[in-house]
Amino acid sequence: SAADPLVDSQKLVAIRPFAAPEPTRRVAIA
């Protein structure tokens, strides 16, 4: 959510995914 929008908006950084199995986080409501 923080990284993907940078692909089009920021020219000074590059974004790459992780190879499988990619690390993730699970977001919840409490």
mmCIF file of all heavy atoms, coordinates in Angstrom:
data_MODEL
# 
_entry.id   MODEL 
# 
loop_
_atom_site.group_PDB 
_atom_site.id 
_atom_site.type_symbol 
_atom_site.label_atom_id 
_atom_site.label_alt_id 
_atom_site.label_comp_id 
_atom_site.label_asym_id 
_atom_site.label_entity_id 
_atom_site.label_seq_id 
_atom_site.pdbx_PDB_ins_code 
_atom_site.Cartn_x 
_atom_site.Cartn_y 
_atom_site.Cartn_z 
_atom_site.occupancy 
_atom_site.B_iso_or_equiv 
_atom_site.pdbx_formal_charge 
_atom_site.auth_seq_id 
_atom_site.auth_comp_id 
_atom_site.auth_asym_id 
_atom_site.auth_atom_id 
_atom_site.pdbx_PDB_model_num 
ATOM 1   N N   . SER A 1 1  ? 0.820   -1.215  0.000   1.00 0.00 ? 1  SER A N   1 
ATOM 2   C CA  . SER A 1 1  ? 0.000   0.000   0.000   1.00 0.00 ? 1  SER A CA  1 
ATOM 3   C C   . SER A 1 1  ? 0.851   1.260   0.000   1.00 0.00 ? 1  SER A C   1 
ATOM 4   O O   . SER A 1 1  ? 0.443   2.298   -0.527  1.00 0.00 ? 1  SER A O   1 
ATOM 5   C CB  . SER A 1 1  ? -0.941  0.013   1.207   1.00 0.00 ? 1  SER A CB  1 
ATOM 6   O OG  . SER A 1 1  ? -0.199  -0.070  2.421   1.00 0.00 ? 1  SER A OG  1 
ATOM 7   N N   . ALA A 1 2  ? 2.052   1.182   0.578   1.00 0.00 ? 2  ALA A N   1 
ATOM 8   C CA  . ALA A 1 2  ? 2.964   2.321   0.610   1.00 0.00 ? 2  ALA A CA  1 
ATOM 9   C C   . ALA A 1 2  ? 3.897   2.335   -0.585  1.00 0.00 ? 2  ALA A C   1 
ATOM 10  O O   . ALA A 1 2  ? 4.325   3.397   -1.045  1.00 0.00 ? 2  ALA A O   1 
ATOM 11  C CB  . ALA A 1 2  ? 3.784   2.298   1.901   1.00 0.00 ? 2  ALA A CB  1 
ATOM 12  N N   . ALA A 1 3  ? 4.234   1.144   -1.112  1.00 0.00 ? 3  ALA A N   1 
ATOM 13  C CA  . ALA A 1 3  ? 5.248   1.044   -2.159  1.00 0.00 ? 3  ALA A CA  1 
ATOM 14  C C   . ALA A 1 3  ? 4.685   1.163   -3.572  1.00 0.00 ? 3  ALA A C   1 
ATOM 15  O O   . ALA A 1 3  ? 5.237   1.891   -4.410  1.00 0.00 ? 3  ALA A O   1 
ATOM 16  C CB  . ALA A 1 3  ? 6.003   -0.272  -2.021  1.00 0.00 ? 3  ALA A CB  1 
ATOM 17  N N   . ASP A 1 4  ? 3.592   0.468   -3.860  1.00 0.00 ? 4  ASP A N   1 
ATOM 18  C CA  . ASP A 1 4  ? 3.111   0.380   -5.240  1.00 0.00 ? 4  ASP A CA  1 
ATOM 19  C C   . ASP A 1 4  ? 2.780   1.731   -5.867  1.00 0.00 ? 4  ASP A C   1 
ATOM 20  O O   . ASP A 1 4  ? 3.063   1.945   -7.054  1.00 0.00 ? 4  ASP A O   1 
ATOM 21  C CB  . ASP A 1 4  ? 1.906   -0.555  -5.317  1.00 0.00 ? 4  ASP A CB  1 
ATOM 22  C CG  . ASP A 1 4  ? 2.291   -2.012  -5.101  1.00 0.00 ? 4  ASP A CG  1 
ATOM 23  O OD1 . ASP A 1 4  ? 3.494   -2.286  -4.860  1.00 0.00 ? 4  ASP A OD1 1 
ATOM 24  O OD2 . ASP A 1 4  ? 1.396   -2.890  -5.153  1.00 0.00 ? 4  ASP A OD2 1 
ATOM 25  N N   . PRO A 1 5  ? 2.192   2.697   -5.136  1.00 0.00 ? 5  PRO A N   1 
ATOM 26  C CA  . PRO A 1 5  ? 1.924   3.999   -5.753  1.00 0.00 ? 5  PRO A CA  1 
ATOM 27  C C   . PRO A 1 5  ? 3.186   4.756   -6.161  1.00 0.00 ? 5  PRO A C   1 
ATOM 28  O O   . PRO A 1 5  ? 3.110   5.697   -6.967  1.00 0.00 ? 5  PRO A O   1 
ATOM 29  C CB  . PRO A 1 5  ? 1.164   4.760   -4.652  1.00 0.00 ? 5  PRO A CB  1 
ATOM 30  C CG  . PRO A 1 5  ? 0.551   3.685   -3.810  1.00 0.00 ? 5  PRO A CG  1 
ATOM 31  C CD  . PRO A 1 5  ? 1.563   2.590   -3.800  1.00 0.00 ? 5  PRO A CD  1 
ATOM 32  N N   . LEU A 1 6  ? 4.345   4.362   -5.635  1.00 0.00 ? 6  LEU A N   1 
ATOM 33  C CA  . LEU A 1 6  ? 5.586   5.067   -5.956  1.00 0.00 ? 6  LEU A CA  1 
ATOM 34  C C   . LEU A 1 6  ? 6.052   4.788   -7.380  1.00 0.00 ? 6  LEU A C   1 
ATOM 35  O O   . LEU A 1 6  ? 6.851   5.542   -7.927  1.00 0.00 ? 6  LEU A O   1 
ATOM 36  C CB  . LEU A 1 6  ? 6.695   4.650   -4.981  1.00 0.00 ? 6  LEU A CB  1 
ATOM 37  C CG  . LEU A 1 6  ? 6.423   4.883   -3.489  1.00 0.00 ? 6  LEU A CG  1 
ATOM 38  C CD1 . LEU A 1 6  ? 7.593   4.375   -2.653  1.00 0.00 ? 6  LEU A CD1 1 
ATOM 39  C CD2 . LEU A 1 6  ? 6.169   6.354   -3.207  1.00 0.00 ? 6  LEU A CD2 1 
ATOM 40  N N   . VAL A 1 7  ? 5.566   3.700   -7.967  1.00 0.00 ? 7  VAL A N   1 
ATOM 41  C CA  . VAL A 1 7  ? 6.015   3.314   -9.303  1.00 0.00 ? 7  VAL A CA  1 
ATOM 42  C C   . VAL A 1 7  ? 5.807   4.449   -10.299 1.00 0.00 ? 7  VAL A C   1 
ATOM 43  O O   . VAL A 1 7  ? 6.675   4.734   -11.135 1.00 0.00 ? 7  VAL A O   1 
ATOM 44  C CB  . VAL A 1 7  ? 5.285   2.042   -9.772  1.00 0.00 ? 7  VAL A CB  1 
ATOM 45  C CG1 . VAL A 1 7  ? 5.617   1.728   -11.228 1.00 0.00 ? 7  VAL A CG1 1 
ATOM 46  C CG2 . VAL A 1 7  ? 5.642   0.862   -8.879  1.00 0.00 ? 7  VAL A CG2 1 
ATOM 47  N N   . ASP A 1 8  ? 4.674   5.113   -10.216 1.00 0.00 ? 8  ASP A N   1 
ATOM 48  C CA  . ASP A 1 8  ? 4.364   6.189   -11.160 1.00 0.00 ? 8  ASP A CA  1 
ATOM 49  C C   . ASP A 1 8  ? 4.682   7.580   -10.623 1.00 0.00 ? 8  ASP A C   1 
ATOM 50  O O   . ASP A 1 8  ? 4.860   8.513   -11.406 1.00 0.00 ? 8  ASP A O   1 
ATOM 51  C CB  . ASP A 1 8  ? 2.877   6.135   -11.535 1.00 0.00 ? 8  ASP A CB  1 
ATOM 52  C CG  . ASP A 1 8  ? 2.517   4.848   -12.261 1.00 0.00 ? 8  ASP A CG  1 
ATOM 53  O OD1 . ASP A 1 8  ? 3.344   4.367   -13.060 1.00 0.00 ? 8  ASP A OD1 1 
ATOM 54  O OD2 . ASP A 1 8  ? 1.423   4.311   -12.007 1.00 0.00 ? 8  ASP A OD2 1 
ATOM 55  N N   . SER A 1 9  ? 4.763   7.710   -9.284  1.00 0.00 ? 9  SER A N   1 
ATOM 56  C CA  . SER A 1 9  ? 4.891   9.057   -8.714  1.00 0.00 ? 9  SER A CA  1 
ATOM 57  C C   . SER A 1 9  ? 6.314   9.440   -8.323  1.00 0.00 ? 9  SER A C   1 
ATOM 58  O O   . SER A 1 9  ? 6.607   10.619  -8.158  1.00 0.00 ? 9  SER A O   1 
ATOM 59  C CB  . SER A 1 9  ? 3.990   9.186   -7.482  1.00 0.00 ? 9  SER A CB  1 
ATOM 60  O OG  . SER A 1 9  ? 4.412   8.299   -6.463  1.00 0.00 ? 9  SER A OG  1 
ATOM 61  N N   . GLN A 1 10 ? 7.200   8.458   -8.162  1.00 0.00 ? 10 GLN A N   1 
ATOM 62  C CA  . GLN A 1 10 ? 8.552   8.747   -7.688  1.00 0.00 ? 10 GLN A CA  1 
ATOM 63  C C   . GLN A 1 10 ? 9.594   8.199   -8.668  1.00 0.00 ? 10 GLN A C   1 
ATOM 64  O O   . GLN A 1 10 ? 9.629   6.996   -8.920  1.00 0.00 ? 10 GLN A O   1 
ATOM 65  C CB  . GLN A 1 10 ? 8.779   8.132   -6.307  1.00 0.00 ? 10 GLN A CB  1 
ATOM 66  C CG  . GLN A 1 10 ? 7.842   8.653   -5.237  1.00 0.00 ? 10 GLN A CG  1 
ATOM 67  C CD  . GLN A 1 10 ? 8.045   10.130  -4.943  1.00 0.00 ? 10 GLN A CD  1 
ATOM 68  O OE1 . GLN A 1 10 ? 9.180   10.623  -4.950  1.00 0.00 ? 10 GLN A OE1 1 
ATOM 69  N NE2 . GLN A 1 10 ? 6.963   10.840  -4.692  1.00 0.00 ? 10 GLN A NE2 1 
ATOM 70  N N   . LYS A 1 11 ? 10.426  9.068   -9.196  1.00 0.00 ? 11 LYS A N   1 
ATOM 71  C CA  . LYS A 1 11 ? 11.430  8.649   -10.178 1.00 0.00 ? 11 LYS A CA  1 
ATOM 72  C C   . LYS A 1 11 ? 12.774  8.307   -9.546  1.00 0.00 ? 11 LYS A C   1 
ATOM 73  O O   . LYS A 1 11 ? 13.649  7.757   -10.213 1.00 0.00 ? 11 LYS A O   1 
ATOM 74  C CB  . LYS A 1 11 ? 11.630  9.764   -11.217 1.00 0.00 ? 11 LYS A CB  1 
ATOM 75  C CG  . LYS A 1 11 ? 10.352  10.177  -11.936 1.00 0.00 ? 11 LYS A CG  1 
ATOM 76  C CD  . LYS A 1 11 ? 9.652   8.980   -12.580 1.00 0.00 ? 11 LYS A CD  1 
ATOM 77  C CE  . LYS A 1 11 ? 8.362   9.401   -13.290 1.00 0.00 ? 11 LYS A CE  1 
ATOM 78  N NZ  . LYS A 1 11 ? 7.616   8.243   -13.830 1.00 0.00 ? 11 LYS A NZ  1 
ATOM 79  N N   . LEU A 1 12 ? 12.938  8.620   -8.267  1.00 0.00 ? 12 LEU A N   1 
ATOM 80  C CA  . LEU A 1 12 ? 14.232  8.378   -7.616  1.00 0.00 ? 12 LEU A CA  1 
ATOM 81  C C   . LEU A 1 12 ? 14.319  7.007   -6.963  1.00 0.00 ? 12 LEU A C   1 
ATOM 82  O O   . LEU A 1 12 ? 15.386  6.620   -6.486  1.00 0.00 ? 12 LEU A O   1 
ATOM 83  C CB  . LEU A 1 12 ? 14.504  9.470   -6.568  1.00 0.00 ? 12 LEU A CB  1 
ATOM 84  C CG  . LEU A 1 12 ? 14.695  10.887  -7.102  1.00 0.00 ? 12 LEU A CG  1 
ATOM 85  C CD1 . LEU A 1 12 ? 14.918  11.854  -5.956  1.00 0.00 ? 12 LEU A CD1 1 
ATOM 86  C CD2 . LEU A 1 12 ? 15.860  10.949  -8.082  1.00 0.00 ? 12 LEU A CD2 1 
ATOM 87  N N   . VAL A 1 13 ? 13.207  6.281   -6.936  1.00 0.00 ? 13 VAL A N   1 
ATOM 88  C CA  . VAL A 1 13 ? 13.228  4.939   -6.350  1.00 0.00 ? 13 VAL A CA  1 
ATOM 89  C C   . VAL A 1 13 ? 12.635  3.934   -7.324  1.00 0.00 ? 13 VAL A C   1 
ATOM 90  O O   . VAL A 1 13 ? 11.868  4.301   -8.224  1.00 0.00 ? 13 VAL A O   1 
ATOM 91  C CB  . VAL A 1 13 ? 12.454  4.877   -5.010  1.00 0.00 ? 13 VAL A CB  1 
ATOM 92  C CG1 . VAL A 1 13 ? 13.092  5.788   -3.974  1.00 0.00 ? 13 VAL A CG1 1 
ATOM 93  C CG2 . VAL A 1 13 ? 10.990  5.219   -5.214  1.00 0.00 ? 13 VAL A CG2 1 
ATOM 94  N N   . ALA A 1 14 ? 13.006  2.670   -7.123  1.00 0.00 ? 14 ALA A N   1 
ATOM 95  C CA  . ALA A 1 14 ? 12.442  1.572   -7.903  1.00 0.00 ? 14 ALA A CA  1 
ATOM 96  C C   . ALA A 1 14 ? 11.822  0.561   -6.939  1.00 0.00 ? 14 ALA A C   1 
ATOM 97  O O   . ALA A 1 14 ? 12.282  0.425   -5.802  1.00 0.00 ? 14 ALA A O   1 
ATOM 98  C CB  . ALA A 1 14 ? 13.514  0.910   -8.751  1.00 0.00 ? 14 ALA A CB  1 
ATOM 99  N N   . ILE A 1 15 ? 10.811  -0.140  -7.401  1.00 0.00 ? 15 ILE A N   1 
ATOM 100 C CA  . ILE A 1 15 ? 10.067  -1.088  -6.572  1.00 0.00 ? 15 ILE A CA  1 
ATOM 101 C C   . ILE A 1 15 ? 10.173  -2.475  -7.194  1.00 0.00 ? 15 ILE A C   1 
ATOM 102 O O   . ILE A 1 15 ? 9.991   -2.633  -8.410  1.00 0.00 ? 15 ILE A O   1 
ATOM 103 C CB  . ILE A 1 15 ? 8.576   -0.711  -6.471  1.00 0.00 ? 15 ILE A CB  1 
ATOM 104 C CG1 . ILE A 1 15 ? 8.403   0.804   -6.232  1.00 0.00 ? 15 ILE A CG1 1 
ATOM 105 C CG2 . ILE A 1 15 ? 7.888   -1.531  -5.401  1.00 0.00 ? 15 ILE A CG2 1 
ATOM 106 C CD1 . ILE A 1 15 ? 8.994   1.300   -4.952  1.00 0.00 ? 15 ILE A CD1 1 
ATOM 107 N N   . ARG A 1 16 ? 10.442  -3.477  -6.371  1.00 0.00 ? 16 ARG A N   1 
ATOM 108 C CA  . ARG A 1 16 ? 10.462  -4.855  -6.852  1.00 0.00 ? 16 ARG A CA  1 
ATOM 109 C C   . ARG A 1 16 ? 9.736   -5.749  -5.849  1.00 0.00 ? 16 ARG A C   1 
ATOM 110 O O   . ARG A 1 16 ? 9.855   -5.550  -4.626  1.00 0.00 ? 16 ARG A O   1 
ATOM 111 C CB  . ARG A 1 16 ? 11.894  -5.354  -7.053  1.00 0.00 ? 16 ARG A CB  1 
ATOM 112 C CG  . ARG A 1 16 ? 12.638  -4.713  -8.211  1.00 0.00 ? 16 ARG A CG  1 
ATOM 113 C CD  . ARG A 1 16 ? 11.999  -5.072  -9.549  1.00 0.00 ? 16 ARG A CD  1 
ATOM 114 N NE  . ARG A 1 16 ? 12.705  -4.479  -10.683 1.00 0.00 ? 16 ARG A NE  1 
ATOM 115 C CZ  . ARG A 1 16 ? 12.445  -3.272  -11.185 1.00 0.00 ? 16 ARG A CZ  1 
ATOM 116 N NH1 . ARG A 1 16 ? 11.481  -2.532  -10.625 1.00 0.00 ? 16 ARG A NH1 1 
ATOM 117 N NH2 . ARG A 1 16 ? 13.114  -2.810  -12.211 1.00 0.00 ? 16 ARG A NH2 1 
ATOM 118 N N   . PRO A 1 17 ? 9.006   -6.751  -6.350  1.00 0.00 ? 17 PRO A N   1 
ATOM 119 C CA  . PRO A 1 17 ? 8.361   -7.704  -5.441  1.00 0.00 ? 17 PRO A CA  1 
ATOM 120 C C   . PRO A 1 17 ? 9.372   -8.706  -4.912  1.00 0.00 ? 17 PRO A C   1 
ATOM 121 O O   . PRO A 1 17 ? 10.497  -8.820  -5.428  1.00 0.00 ? 17 PRO A O   1 
ATOM 122 C CB  . PRO A 1 17 ? 7.334   -8.392  -6.346  1.00 0.00 ? 17 PRO A CB  1 
ATOM 123 C CG  . PRO A 1 17 ? 7.967   -8.351  -7.703  1.00 0.00 ? 17 PRO A CG  1 
ATOM 124 C CD  . PRO A 1 17 ? 8.709   -7.037  -7.764  1.00 0.00 ? 17 PRO A CD  1 
ATOM 125 N N   . PHE A 1 18 ? 8.964   -9.443  -3.899  1.00 0.00 ? 18 PHE A N   1 
ATOM 126 C CA  . PHE A 1 18 ? 9.772   -10.554 -3.405  1.00 0.00 ? 18 PHE A CA  1 
ATOM 127 C C   . PHE A 1 18 ? 9.448   -11.805 -4.205  1.00 0.00 ? 18 PHE A C   1 
ATOM 128 O O   . PHE A 1 18 ? 8.319   -11.991 -4.683  1.00 0.00 ? 18 PHE A O   1 
ATOM 129 C CB  . PHE A 1 18 ? 9.484   -10.815 -1.925  1.00 0.00 ? 18 PHE A CB  1 
ATOM 130 C CG  . PHE A 1 18 ? 10.200  -9.891  -0.995  1.00 0.00 ? 18 PHE A CG  1 
ATOM 131 C CD1 . PHE A 1 18 ? 9.552   -8.774  -0.474  1.00 0.00 ? 18 PHE A CD1 1 
ATOM 132 C CD2 . PHE A 1 18 ? 11.510  -10.133 -0.615  1.00 0.00 ? 18 PHE A CD2 1 
ATOM 133 C CE1 . PHE A 1 18 ? 10.213  -7.920  0.399   1.00 0.00 ? 18 PHE A CE1 1 
ATOM 134 C CE2 . PHE A 1 18 ? 12.176  -9.281  0.255   1.00 0.00 ? 18 PHE A CE2 1 
ATOM 135 C CZ  . PHE A 1 18 ? 11.523  -8.176  0.769   1.00 0.00 ? 18 PHE A CZ  1 
ATOM 136 N N   . ALA A 1 19 ? 10.439  -12.671 -4.337  1.00 0.00 ? 19 ALA A N   1 
ATOM 137 C CA  . ALA A 1 19 ? 10.195  -13.980 -4.927  1.00 0.00 ? 19 ALA A CA  1 
ATOM 138 C C   . ALA A 1 19 ? 9.370   -14.819 -3.955  1.00 0.00 ? 19 ALA A C   1 
ATOM 139 O O   . ALA A 1 19 ? 9.408   -14.610 -2.742  1.00 0.00 ? 19 ALA A O   1 
ATOM 140 C CB  . ALA A 1 19 ? 11.525  -14.665 -5.242  1.00 0.00 ? 19 ALA A CB  1 
ATOM 141 N N   . ALA A 1 20 ? 8.637   -15.773 -4.501  1.00 0.00 ? 20 ALA A N   1 
ATOM 142 C CA  . ALA A 1 20 ? 7.826   -16.652 -3.648  1.00 0.00 ? 20 ALA A CA  1 
ATOM 143 C C   . ALA A 1 20 ? 8.717   -17.520 -2.760  1.00 0.00 ? 20 ALA A C   1 
ATOM 144 O O   . ALA A 1 20 ? 9.809   -17.927 -3.181  1.00 0.00 ? 20 ALA A O   1 
ATOM 145 C CB  . ALA A 1 20 ? 6.942   -17.525 -4.537  1.00 0.00 ? 20 ALA A CB  1 
ATOM 146 N N   . PRO A 1 21 ? 8.289   -17.747 -1.526  1.00 0.00 ? 21 PRO A N   1 
ATOM 147 C CA  . PRO A 1 21 ? 7.070   -17.223 -0.890  1.00 0.00 ? 21 PRO A CA  1 
ATOM 148 C C   . PRO A 1 21 ? 7.295   -15.798 -0.392  1.00 0.00 ? 21 PRO A C   1 
ATOM 149 O O   . PRO A 1 21 ? 8.197   -15.555 0.409   1.00 0.00 ? 21 PRO A O   1 
ATOM 150 C CB  . PRO A 1 21 ? 6.864   -18.190 0.277   1.00 0.00 ? 21 PRO A CB  1 
ATOM 151 C CG  . PRO A 1 21 ? 8.243   -18.652 0.640   1.00 0.00 ? 21 PRO A CG  1 
ATOM 152 C CD  . PRO A 1 21 ? 9.032   -18.681 -0.637  1.00 0.00 ? 21 PRO A CD  1 
ATOM 153 N N   . GLU A 1 22 ? 6.509   -14.878 -0.886  1.00 0.00 ? 22 GLU A N   1 
ATOM 154 C CA  . GLU A 1 22 ? 6.722   -13.477 -0.520  1.00 0.00 ? 22 GLU A CA  1 
ATOM 155 C C   . GLU A 1 22 ? 6.211   -13.208 0.887   1.00 0.00 ? 22 GLU A C   1 
ATOM 156 O O   . GLU A 1 22 ? 5.167   -13.722 1.285   1.00 0.00 ? 22 GLU A O   1 
ATOM 157 C CB  . GLU A 1 22 ? 6.041   -12.548 -1.520  1.00 0.00 ? 22 GLU A CB  1 
ATOM 158 C CG  . GLU A 1 22 ? 4.543   -12.718 -1.625  1.00 0.00 ? 22 GLU A CG  1 
ATOM 159 C CD  . GLU A 1 22 ? 3.934   -11.788 -2.650  1.00 0.00 ? 22 GLU A CD  1 
ATOM 160 O OE1 . GLU A 1 22 ? 4.656   -10.957 -3.229  1.00 0.00 ? 22 GLU A OE1 1 
ATOM 161 O OE2 . GLU A 1 22 ? 2.715   -11.892 -2.888  1.00 0.00 ? 22 GLU A OE2 1 
ATOM 162 N N   . PRO A 1 23 ? 6.949   -12.393 1.652   1.00 0.00 ? 23 PRO A N   1 
ATOM 163 C CA  . PRO A 1 23 ? 6.481   -12.044 2.997   1.00 0.00 ? 23 PRO A CA  1 
ATOM 164 C C   . PRO A 1 23 ? 5.260   -11.127 2.917   1.00 0.00 ? 23 PRO A C   1 
ATOM 165 O O   . PRO A 1 23 ? 5.152   -10.294 2.015   1.00 0.00 ? 23 PRO A O   1 
ATOM 166 C CB  . PRO A 1 23 ? 7.679   -11.320 3.616   1.00 0.00 ? 23 PRO A CB  1 
ATOM 167 C CG  . PRO A 1 23 ? 8.466   -10.810 2.456   1.00 0.00 ? 23 PRO A CG  1 
ATOM 168 C CD  . PRO A 1 23 ? 8.260   -11.797 1.343   1.00 0.00 ? 23 PRO A CD  1 
ATOM 169 N N   . THR A 1 24 ? 4.344   -11.298 3.857   1.00 0.00 ? 24 THR A N   1 
ATOM 170 C CA  . THR A 1 24 ? 3.132   -10.486 3.905   1.00 0.00 ? 24 THR A CA  1 
ATOM 171 C C   . THR A 1 24 ? 2.807   -10.141 5.348   1.00 0.00 ? 24 THR A C   1 
ATOM 172 O O   . THR A 1 24 ? 3.390   -10.694 6.280   1.00 0.00 ? 24 THR A O   1 
ATOM 173 C CB  . THR A 1 24 ? 1.920   -11.239 3.316   1.00 0.00 ? 24 THR A CB  1 
ATOM 174 O OG1 . THR A 1 24 ? 1.659   -12.398 4.123   1.00 0.00 ? 24 THR A OG1 1 
ATOM 175 C CG2 . THR A 1 24 ? 2.169   -11.663 1.877   1.00 0.00 ? 24 THR A CG2 1 
ATOM 176 N N   . ARG A 1 25 ? 1.865   -9.254  5.521   1.00 0.00 ? 25 ARG A N   1 
ATOM 177 C CA  . ARG A 1 25 ? 1.289   -9.018  6.840   1.00 0.00 ? 25 ARG A CA  1 
ATOM 178 C C   . ARG A 1 25 ? -0.226  -9.144  6.721   1.00 0.00 ? 25 ARG A C   1 
ATOM 179 O O   . ARG A 1 25 ? -0.801  -8.868  5.656   1.00 0.00 ? 25 ARG A O   1 
ATOM 180 C CB  . ARG A 1 25 ? 1.666   -7.644  7.395   1.00 0.00 ? 25 ARG A CB  1 
ATOM 181 C CG  . ARG A 1 25 ? 1.061   -6.450  6.673   1.00 0.00 ? 25 ARG A CG  1 
ATOM 182 C CD  . ARG A 1 25 ? 1.387   -5.154  7.388   1.00 0.00 ? 25 ARG A CD  1 
ATOM 183 N NE  . ARG A 1 25 ? 0.915   -3.983  6.654   1.00 0.00 ? 25 ARG A NE  1 
ATOM 184 C CZ  . ARG A 1 25 ? 1.091   -2.725  7.064   1.00 0.00 ? 25 ARG A CZ  1 
ATOM 185 N NH1 . ARG A 1 25 ? 1.742   -2.483  8.203   1.00 0.00 ? 25 ARG A NH1 1 
ATOM 186 N NH2 . ARG A 1 25 ? 0.641   -1.713  6.353   1.00 0.00 ? 25 ARG A NH2 1 
ATOM 187 N N   . ARG A 1 26 ? -0.867  -9.571  7.798   1.00 0.00 ? 26 ARG A N   1 
ATOM 188 C CA  . ARG A 1 26 ? -2.319  -9.696  7.831   1.00 0.00 ? 26 ARG A CA  1 
ATOM 189 C C   . ARG A 1 26 ? -2.882  -8.571  8.687   1.00 0.00 ? 26 ARG A C   1 
ATOM 190 O O   . ARG A 1 26 ? -2.517  -8.434  9.854   1.00 0.00 ? 26 ARG A O   1 
ATOM 191 C CB  . ARG A 1 26 ? -2.736  -11.062 8.366   1.00 0.00 ? 26 ARG A CB  1 
ATOM 192 C CG  . ARG A 1 26 ? -4.235  -11.245 8.529   1.00 0.00 ? 26 ARG A CG  1 
ATOM 193 C CD  . ARG A 1 26 ? -4.644  -12.698 8.564   1.00 0.00 ? 26 ARG A CD  1 
ATOM 194 N NE  . ARG A 1 26 ? -4.524  -13.313 7.232   1.00 0.00 ? 26 ARG A NE  1 
ATOM 195 C CZ  . ARG A 1 26 ? -4.961  -14.534 6.932   1.00 0.00 ? 26 ARG A CZ  1 
ATOM 196 N NH1 . ARG A 1 26 ? -5.532  -15.280 7.868   1.00 0.00 ? 26 ARG A NH1 1 
ATOM 197 N NH2 . ARG A 1 26 ? -4.820  -15.013 5.702   1.00 0.00 ? 26 ARG A NH2 1 
ATOM 198 N N   . VAL A 1 27 ? -3.744  -7.783  8.092   1.00 0.00 ? 27 VAL A N   1 
ATOM 199 C CA  . VAL A 1 27 ? -4.330  -6.628  8.774   1.00 0.00 ? 27 VAL A CA  1 
ATOM 200 C C   . VAL A 1 27 ? -5.727  -7.000  9.273   1.00 0.00 ? 27 VAL A C   1 
ATOM 201 O O   . VAL A 1 27 ? -6.494  -7.673  8.575   1.00 0.00 ? 27 VAL A O   1 
ATOM 202 C CB  . VAL A 1 27 ? -4.392  -5.409  7.832   1.00 0.00 ? 27 VAL A CB  1 
ATOM 203 C CG1 . VAL A 1 27 ? -5.141  -4.248  8.482   1.00 0.00 ? 27 VAL A CG1 1 
ATOM 204 C CG2 . VAL A 1 27 ? -2.967  -4.980  7.452   1.00 0.00 ? 27 VAL A CG2 1 
ATOM 205 N N   . ALA A 1 28 ? -6.031  -6.569  10.481  1.00 0.00 ? 28 ALA A N   1 
ATOM 206 C CA  . ALA A 1 28 ? -7.300  -6.930  11.118  1.00 0.00 ? 28 ALA A CA  1 
ATOM 207 C C   . ALA A 1 28 ? -7.904  -5.718  11.812  1.00 0.00 ? 28 ALA A C   1 
ATOM 208 O O   . ALA A 1 28 ? -7.242  -4.696  12.020  1.00 0.00 ? 28 ALA A O   1 
ATOM 209 C CB  . ALA A 1 28 ? -7.075  -8.049  12.134  1.00 0.00 ? 28 ALA A CB  1 
ATOM 210 N N   . ILE A 1 29 ? -9.177  -5.850  12.160  1.00 0.00 ? 29 ILE A N   1 
ATOM 211 C CA  . ILE A 1 29 ? -9.822  -4.878  13.036  1.00 0.00 ? 29 ILE A CA  1 
ATOM 212 C C   . ILE A 1 29 ? -10.032 -5.551  14.389  1.00 0.00 ? 29 ILE A C   1 
ATOM 213 O O   . ILE A 1 29 ? -10.230 -6.761  14.471  1.00 0.00 ? 29 ILE A O   1 
ATOM 214 C CB  . ILE A 1 29 ? -11.152 -4.362  12.459  1.00 0.00 ? 29 ILE A CB  1 
ATOM 215 C CG1 . ILE A 1 29 ? -12.050 -5.516  11.998  1.00 0.00 ? 29 ILE A CG1 1 
ATOM 216 C CG2 . ILE A 1 29 ? -10.904 -3.409  11.312  1.00 0.00 ? 29 ILE A CG2 1 
ATOM 217 C CD1 . ILE A 1 29 ? -13.381 -5.063  11.434  1.00 0.00 ? 29 ILE A CD1 1 
ATOM 218 N N   . ALA A 1 30 ? -9.950  -4.760  15.446  1.00 0.00 ? 30 ALA A N   1 
ATOM 219 C CA  . ALA A 1 30 ? -10.072 -5.287  16.811  1.00 0.00 ? 30 ALA A CA  1 
ATOM 220 C C   . ALA A 1 30 ? -11.024 -4.399  17.597  1.00 0.00 ? 30 ALA A C   1 
ATOM 221 O O   . ALA A 1 30 ? -11.027 -3.172  17.440  1.00 0.00 ? 30 ALA A O   1 
ATOM 222 C CB  . ALA A 1 30 ? -8.702  -5.325  17.488  1.00 0.00 ? 30 ALA A CB  1 
# 
